Amino acid sequence: QNQSRAGRSQLRGAYFVLQLHDELIYETTEEDLIQVAQIVKREMETAAKLYVQLKAKVKVGPSWGNLQDLDV
């Protein structure tokens, strides 16, 4: 678990599975899904100070081929 800026939390686990170009894939429990999505989105959008704002998309699903957008 990345606790650098996210702080200590009550998450049961979010496991980093794969990085492919600009995509990150995590596995987590349904109970922790929203909190994990919020943390990952925030960290992706604020990873570096830039003059333009980066926007990250969050998608969820049971498999890579069945992902749906999640608005967090």
PDB file of N, CA and C in Angstrom:
ATOM      1  N   GLN A   1       0.836  -1.185   0.000  1.00  0.00           N
ATOM      2  CA  GLN A   1       0.000   0.000   0.000  1.00  0.00           C
ATOM      3  C   GLN A   1       0.876   1.240   0.000  1.00  0.00           C
ATOM      4  N   ASN A   2       0.517   2.187  -0.823  1.00  0.00           N
ATOM      5  CA  ASN A   2       1.237   3.446  -0.858  1.00  0.00           C
ATOM      6  C   ASN A   2       0.681   4.347   0.222  1.00  0.00           C
ATOM      7  N   GLN A   3       1.497   4.628   1.222  1.00  0.00           N
ATOM      8  CA  GLN A   3       1.035   5.467   2.321  1.00  0.00           C
ATOM      9  C   GLN A   3       1.792   6.781   2.373  1.00  0.00           C
ATOM     10  N   SER A   4       2.538   7.118   1.329  1.00  0.00           N
ATOM     11  CA  SER A   4       3.360   8.314   1.357  1.00  0.00           C
ATOM     12  C   SER A   4       2.535   9.575   1.577  1.00  0.00           C
ATOM     13  N   ARG A   5       1.557   9.832   0.727  1.00  0.00           N
ATOM     14  CA  ARG A   5       0.715  11.015   0.895  1.00  0.00           C
ATOM     15  C   ARG A   5      -0.704  10.634   1.268  1.00  0.00           C
ATOM     16  N   ALA A   6      -1.055   9.384   1.086  1.00  0.00           N
ATOM     17  CA  ALA A   6      -2.418   8.964   1.383  1.00  0.00           C
ATOM     18  C   ALA A   6      -2.637   8.847   2.879  1.00  0.00           C
ATOM     19  N   GLY A   7      -1.569   8.710   3.642  1.00  0.00           N
ATOM     20  CA  GLY A   7      -1.695   8.589   5.088  1.00  0.00           C
ATOM     21  C   GLY A   7      -2.133   7.193   5.480  1.00  0.00           C
ATOM     22  N   ARG A   8      -2.122   6.940   6.743  1.00  0.00           N
ATOM     23  CA  ARG A   8      -2.565   5.631   7.234  1.00  0.00           C
ATOM     24  C   ARG A   8      -4.074   5.546   7.095  1.00  0.00           C
ATOM     25  N   SER A   9      -4.541   4.414   6.651  1.00  0.00           N
ATOM     26  CA  SER A   9      -5.972   4.258   6.414  1.00  0.00           C
ATOM     27  C   SER A   9      -6.434   2.906   6.912  1.00  0.00           C
ATOM     28  N   GLN A  10      -7.719   2.675   6.818  1.00  0.00           N
ATOM     29  CA  GLN A  10      -8.318   1.417   7.232  1.00  0.00           C
ATOM     30  C   GLN A  10      -8.546   0.494   6.039  1.00  0.00           C
ATOM     31  N   LEU A  11      -7.821   0.705   4.958  1.00  0.00           N
ATOM     32  CA  LEU A  11      -7.980  -0.130   3.775  1.00  0.00           C
ATOM     33  C   LEU A  11      -7.485  -1.538   4.058  1.00  0.00           C
ATOM     34  N   ARG A  12      -8.223  -2.514   3.581  1.00  0.00           N
ATOM     35  CA  ARG A  12      -7.818  -3.907   3.747  1.00  0.00           C
ATOM     36  C   ARG A  12      -6.768  -4.307   2.719  1.00  0.00           C
ATOM     37  N   GLY A  13      -6.710  -3.576   1.655  1.00  0.00           N
ATOM     38  CA  GLY A  13      -5.687  -3.886   0.672  1.00  0.00           C
ATOM     39  C   GLY A  13      -6.044  -3.423  -0.717  1.00  0.00           C
ATOM     40  N   ALA A  14      -5.088  -2.834  -1.358  1.00  0.00           N
ATOM     41  CA  ALA A  14      -5.178  -2.486  -2.764  1.00  0.00           C
ATOM     42  C   ALA A  14      -3.858  -2.944  -3.342  1.00  0.00           C
ATOM     43  N   TYR A  15      -3.904  -3.874  -4.248  1.00  0.00           N
ATOM     44  CA  TYR A  15      -2.689  -4.480  -4.758  1.00  0.00           C
ATOM     45  C   TYR A  15      -2.399  -3.999  -6.168  1.00  0.00           C
ATOM     46  N   PHE A  16      -1.205  -3.444  -6.332  1.00  0.00           N
ATOM     47  CA  PHE A  16      -0.761  -2.990  -7.640  1.00  0.00           C
ATOM     48  C   PHE A  16      -0.483  -4.217  -8.493  1.00  0.00           C
ATOM     49  N   VAL A  17      -1.131  -4.290  -9.652  1.00  0.00           N
ATOM     50  CA  VAL A  17      -1.015  -5.459 -10.514  1.00  0.00           C
ATOM     51  C   VAL A  17      -0.122  -5.190 -11.716  1.00  0.00           C
ATOM     52  N   LEU A  18      -0.345  -4.048 -12.395  1.00  0.00           N
ATOM     53  CA  LEU A  18       0.338  -3.833 -13.669  1.00  0.00           C
ATOM     54  C   LEU A  18       0.373  -2.357 -14.029  1.00  0.00           C
ATOM     55  N   GLN A  19       1.480  -1.929 -14.628  1.00  0.00           N
ATOM     56  CA  GLN A  19       1.565  -0.616 -15.261  1.00  0.00           C
ATOM     57  C   GLN A  19       1.789  -0.853 -16.740  1.00  0.00           C
ATOM     58  N   LEU A  20       0.952  -0.235 -17.564  1.00  0.00           N
ATOM     59  CA  LEU A  20       1.078  -0.351 -19.011  1.00  0.00           C
ATOM     60  C   LEU A  20       0.971   1.052 -19.596  1.00  0.00           C
ATOM     61  N   HIS A  21       2.097   1.612 -20.000  1.00  0.00           N
ATOM     62  CA  HIS A  21       2.185   2.988 -20.490  1.00  0.00           C
ATOM     63  C   HIS A  21       1.649   3.939 -19.423  1.00  0.00           C
ATOM     64  N   ASP A  22       0.507   4.579 -19.657  1.00  0.00           N
ATOM     65  CA  ASP A  22      -0.024   5.526 -18.673  1.00  0.00           C
ATOM     66  C   ASP A  22      -1.195   4.935 -17.891  1.00  0.00           C
ATOM     67  N   GLU A  23      -1.293   3.630 -17.837  1.00  0.00           N
ATOM     68  CA  GLU A  23      -2.372   2.967 -17.099  1.00  0.00           C
ATOM     69  C   GLU A  23      -1.802   2.220 -15.909  1.00  0.00           C
ATOM     70  N   LEU A  24      -2.526   2.272 -14.808  1.00  0.00           N
ATOM     71  CA  LEU A  24      -2.185   1.501 -13.618  1.00  0.00           C
ATOM     72  C   LEU A  24      -3.358   0.591 -13.310  1.00  0.00           C
ATOM     73  N   ILE A  25      -3.082  -0.652 -12.987  1.00  0.00           N
ATOM     74  CA  ILE A  25      -4.144  -1.598 -12.658  1.00  0.00           C
ATOM     75  C   ILE A  25      -3.942  -2.065 -11.226  1.00  0.00           C
ATOM     76  N   TYR A  26      -5.009  -1.947 -10.438  1.00  0.00           N
ATOM     77  CA  TYR A  26      -5.013  -2.371  -9.042  1.00  0.00           C
ATOM     78  C   TYR A  26      -6.131  -3.377  -8.834  1.00  0.00           C
ATOM     79  N   GLU A  27      -5.950  -4.241  -7.850  1.00  0.00           N
ATOM     80  CA  GLU A  27      -7.025  -5.103  -7.369  1.00  0.00           C
ATOM     81  C   GLU A  27      -7.335  -4.668  -5.948  1.00  0.00           C
ATOM     82  N   THR A  28      -8.630  -4.602  -5.618  1.00  0.00           N
ATOM     83  CA  THR A  28      -9.045  -4.221  -4.275  1.00  0.00           C
ATOM     84  C   THR A  28     -10.390  -4.859  -3.978  1.00  0.00           C
ATOM     85  N   THR A  29     -10.845  -4.708  -2.764  1.00  0.00           N
ATOM     86  CA  THR A  29     -12.156  -5.231  -2.389  1.00  0.00           C
ATOM     87  C   THR A  29     -13.237  -4.252  -2.831  1.00  0.00           C
ATOM     88  N   GLU A  30     -14.452  -4.740  -2.986  1.00  0.00           N
ATOM     89  CA  GLU A  30     -15.561  -3.844  -3.337  1.00  0.00           C
ATOM     90  C   GLU A  30     -15.787  -2.812  -2.248  1.00  0.00           C
ATOM     91  N   GLU A  31     -15.558  -3.200  -0.991  1.00  0.00           N
ATOM     92  CA  GLU A  31     -15.762  -2.278   0.130  1.00  0.00           C
ATOM     93  C   GLU A  31     -14.792  -1.096   0.065  1.00  0.00           C
ATOM     94  N   ASP A  32     -13.591  -1.319  -0.434  1.00  0.00           N
ATOM     95  CA  ASP A  32     -12.572  -0.267  -0.488  1.00  0.00           C
ATOM     96  C   ASP A  32     -12.492   0.428  -1.841  1.00  0.00           C
ATOM     97  N   LEU A  33     -13.315   0.029  -2.780  1.00  0.00           N
ATOM     98  CA  LEU A  33     -13.208   0.499  -4.161  1.00  0.00           C
ATOM     99  C   LEU A  33     -13.210   2.019  -4.283  1.00  0.00           C
ATOM    100  N   ILE A  34     -14.177   2.689  -3.698  1.00  0.00           N
ATOM    101  CA  ILE A  34     -14.291   4.146  -3.845  1.00  0.00           C
ATOM    102  C   ILE A  34     -13.087   4.843  -3.233  1.00  0.00           C
ATOM    103  N   GLN A  35     -12.696   4.440  -2.032  1.00  0.00           N
ATOM    104  CA  GLN A  35     -11.563   5.086  -1.368  1.00  0.00           C
ATOM    105  C   GLN A  35     -10.267   4.862  -2.147  1.00  0.00           C
ATOM    106  N   VAL A  36     -10.049   3.655  -2.619  1.00  0.00           N
ATOM    107  CA  VAL A  36      -8.850   3.365  -3.414  1.00  0.00           C
ATOM    108  C   VAL A  36      -8.871   4.181  -4.703  1.00  0.00           C
ATOM    109  N   ALA A  37     -10.009   4.240  -5.374  1.00  0.00           N
ATOM    110  CA  ALA A  37     -10.126   5.006  -6.621  1.00  0.00           C
ATOM    111  C   ALA A  37      -9.827   6.480  -6.384  1.00  0.00           C
ATOM    112  N   GLN A  38     -10.329   7.034  -5.290  1.00  0.00           N
ATOM    113  CA  GLN A  38     -10.076   8.441  -4.977  1.00  0.00           C
ATOM    114  C   GLN A  38      -8.592   8.693  -4.726  1.00  0.00           C
ATOM    115  N   ILE A  39      -7.956   7.799  -3.986  1.00  0.00           N
ATOM    116  CA  ILE A  39      -6.530   7.960  -3.685  1.00  0.00           C
ATOM    117  C   ILE A  39      -5.697   7.862  -4.957  1.00  0.00           C
ATOM    118  N   VAL A  40      -5.941   6.847  -5.767  1.00  0.00           N
ATOM    119  CA  VAL A  40      -5.157   6.654  -6.989  1.00  0.00           C
ATOM    120  C   VAL A  40      -5.367   7.821  -7.946  1.00  0.00           C
ATOM    121  N   LYS A  41      -6.601   8.267  -8.118  1.00  0.00           N
ATOM    122  CA  LYS A  41      -6.893   9.405  -9.008  1.00  0.00           C
ATOM    123  C   LYS A  41      -6.158  10.657  -8.532  1.00  0.00           C
ATOM    124  N   ARG A  42      -6.252  10.954  -7.245  1.00  0.00           N
ATOM    125  CA  ARG A  42      -5.586  12.141  -6.697  1.00  0.00           C
ATOM    126  C   ARG A  42      -4.070  12.053  -6.895  1.00  0.00           C
ATOM    127  N   GLU A  43      -3.496  10.900  -6.612  1.00  0.00           N
ATOM    128  CA  GLU A  43      -2.046  10.747  -6.742  1.00  0.00           C
ATOM    129  C   GLU A  43      -1.596  10.849  -8.201  1.00  0.00           C
ATOM    130  N   MET A  44      -2.371  10.314  -9.120  1.00  0.00           N
ATOM    131  CA  MET A  44      -2.026  10.407 -10.540  1.00  0.00           C
ATOM    132  C   MET A  44      -2.099  11.853 -11.030  1.00  0.00           C
ATOM    133  N   GLU A  45      -3.092  12.599 -10.563  1.00  0.00           N
ATOM    134  CA  GLU A  45      -3.283  13.971 -11.033  1.00  0.00           C
ATOM    135  C   GLU A  45      -2.314  14.955 -10.389  1.00  0.00           C
ATOM    136  N   THR A  46      -1.717  14.602  -9.267  1.00  0.00           N
ATOM    137  CA  THR A  46      -0.821  15.525  -8.566  1.00  0.00           C
ATOM    138  C   THR A  46       0.595  14.970  -8.439  1.00  0.00           C
ATOM    139  N   ALA A  47       0.962  14.019  -9.272  1.00  0.00           N
ATOM    140  CA  ALA A  47       2.280  13.378  -9.177  1.00  0.00           C
ATOM    141  C   ALA A  47       3.420  14.354  -9.468  1.00  0.00           C
ATOM    142  N   ALA A  48       3.179  15.334 -10.312  1.00  0.00           N
ATOM    143  CA  ALA A  48       4.204  16.318 -10.662  1.00  0.00           C
ATOM    144  C   ALA A  48       3.547  17.684 -10.792  1.00  0.00           C
ATOM    145  N   LYS A  49       4.308  18.723 -10.477  1.00  0.00           N
ATOM    146  CA  LYS A  49       3.792  20.083 -10.645  1.00  0.00           C
ATOM    147  C   LYS A  49       3.979  20.483 -12.099  1.00  0.00           C
ATOM    148  N   LEU A  50       2.867  20.741 -12.757  1.00  0.00           N
ATOM    149  CA  LEU A  50       2.884  21.125 -14.162  1.00  0.00           C
ATOM    150  C   LEU A  50       2.075  22.400 -14.350  1.00  0.00           C
ATOM    151  N   TYR A  51       2.264  23.055 -15.484  1.00  0.00           N
ATOM    152  CA  TYR A  51       1.491  24.257 -15.795  1.00  0.00           C
ATOM    153  C   TYR A  51       0.085  23.922 -16.270  1.00  0.00           C
ATOM    154  N   VAL A  52      -0.113  22.704 -16.699  1.00  0.00           N
ATOM    155  CA  VAL A  52      -1.442  22.254 -17.115  1.00  0.00           C
ATOM    156  C   VAL A  52      -1.921  21.190 -16.135  1.00  0.00           C
ATOM    157  N   GLN A  53      -3.218  21.141 -15.936  1.00  0.00           N
ATOM    158  CA  GLN A  53      -3.786  20.169 -15.008  1.00  0.00           C
ATOM    159  C   GLN A  53      -4.009  18.836 -15.724  1.00  0.00           C
ATOM    160  N   LEU A  54      -3.516  17.767 -15.132  1.00  0.00           N
ATOM    161  CA  LEU A  54      -3.750  16.435 -15.675  1.00  0.00           C
ATOM    162  C   LEU A  54      -5.043  15.877 -15.102  1.00  0.00           C
ATOM    163  N   LYS A  55      -5.795  15.184 -15.918  1.00  0.00           N
ATOM    164  CA  LYS A  55      -7.019  14.530 -15.465  1.00  0.00           C
ATOM    165  C   LYS A  55      -6.850  13.033 -15.642  1.00  0.00           C
ATOM    166  N   ALA A  56      -7.137  12.294 -14.600  1.00  0.00           N
ATOM    167  CA  ALA A  56      -7.055  10.834 -14.652  1.00  0.00           C
ATOM    168  C   ALA A  56      -8.461  10.261 -14.741  1.00  0.00           C
ATOM    169  N   LYS A  57      -8.617   9.206 -15.519  1.00  0.00           N
ATOM    170  CA  LYS A  57      -9.887   8.487 -15.610  1.00  0.00           C
ATOM    171  C   LYS A  57      -9.785   7.248 -14.739  1.00  0.00           C
ATOM    172  N   VAL A  58     -10.877   6.915 -14.083  1.00  0.00           N
ATOM    173  CA  VAL A  58     -10.931   5.692 -13.285  1.00  0.00           C
ATOM    174  C   VAL A  58     -11.957   4.770 -13.923  1.00  0.00           C
ATOM    175  N   LYS A  59     -11.546   3.545 -14.156  1.00  0.00           N
ATOM    176  CA  LYS A  59     -12.454   2.528 -14.687  1.00  0.00           C
ATOM    177  C   LYS A  59     -12.388   1.318 -13.776  1.00  0.00           C
ATOM    178  N   VAL A  60     -13.522   0.647 -13.619  1.00  0.00           N
ATOM    179  CA  VAL A  60     -13.580  -0.529 -12.749  1.00  0.00           C
ATOM    180  C   VAL A  60     -14.290  -1.663 -13.468  1.00  0.00           C
ATOM    181  N   GLY A  61     -13.977  -2.877 -13.045  1.00  0.00           N
ATOM    182  CA  GLY A  61     -14.644  -4.034 -13.614  1.00  0.00           C
ATOM    183  C   GLY A  61     -13.994  -5.320 -13.167  1.00  0.00           C
ATOM    184  N   PRO A  62     -14.663  -6.424 -13.451  1.00  0.00           N
ATOM    185  CA  PRO A  62     -14.153  -7.730 -13.030  1.00  0.00           C
ATOM    186  C   PRO A  62     -12.962  -8.208 -13.860  1.00  0.00           C
ATOM    187  N   SER A  63     -12.792  -7.622 -15.054  1.00  0.00           N
ATOM    188  CA  SER A  63     -11.653  -7.980 -15.896  1.00  0.00           C
ATOM    189  C   SER A  63     -11.308  -6.782 -16.777  1.00  0.00           C
ATOM    190  N   TRP A  64     -10.131  -6.820 -17.357  1.00  0.00           N
ATOM    191  CA  TRP A  64      -9.661  -5.712 -18.179  1.00  0.00           C
ATOM    192  C   TRP A  64     -10.590  -5.462 -19.364  1.00  0.00           C
ATOM    193  N   GLY A  65     -11.196  -6.482 -19.891  1.00  0.00           N
ATOM    194  CA  GLY A  65     -12.087  -6.339 -21.031  1.00  0.00           C
ATOM    195  C   GLY A  65     -13.490  -5.878 -20.675  1.00  0.00           C
ATOM    196  N   ASN A  66     -13.791  -5.779 -19.388  1.00  0.00           N
ATOM    197  CA  ASN A  66     -15.138  -5.396 -18.938  1.00  0.00           C
ATOM    198  C   ASN A  66     -15.097  -4.196 -18.009  1.00  0.00           C
ATOM    199  N   LEU A  67     -14.340  -3.175 -18.378  1.00  0.00           N
ATOM    200  CA  LEU A  67     -14.211  -1.992 -17.532  1.00  0.00           C
ATOM    201  C   LEU A  67     -15.286  -0.962 -17.858  1.00  0.00           C
ATOM    202  N   GLN A  68     -15.740  -0.275 -16.808  1.00  0.00           N
ATOM    203  CA  GLN A  68     -16.701   0.816 -16.960  1.00  0.00           C
ATOM    204  C   GLN A  68     -16.164   2.030 -16.220  1.00  0.00           C
ATOM    205  N   ASP A  69     -16.482   3.225 -16.733  1.00  0.00           N
ATOM    206  CA  ASP A  69     -16.047   4.461 -16.086  1.00  0.00           C
ATOM    207  C   ASP A  69     -16.632   4.565 -14.685  1.00  0.00           C
ATOM    208  N   LEU A  70     -15.811   5.091 -13.768  1.00  0.00           N
ATOM    209  CA  LEU A  70     -16.252   5.374 -12.404  1.00  0.00           C
ATOM    210  C   LEU A  70     -15.966   6.835 -12.141  1.00  0.00           C
ATOM    211  N   ASP A  71     -16.985   7.599 -11.817  1.00  0.00           N
ATOM    212  CA  ASP A  71     -16.831   9.030 -11.556  1.00  0.00           C
ATOM    213  C   ASP A  71     -16.547   9.236 -10.075  1.00  0.00           C
ATOM    214  N   VAL A  72     -15.293   9.575  -9.766  1.00  0.00           N
ATOM    215  CA  VAL A  72     -14.911   9.847  -8.367  1.00  0.00           C
ATOM    216  C   VAL A  72     -14.348  11.230  -8.248  1.00  0.00           C
TER     217      VAL A  72
END
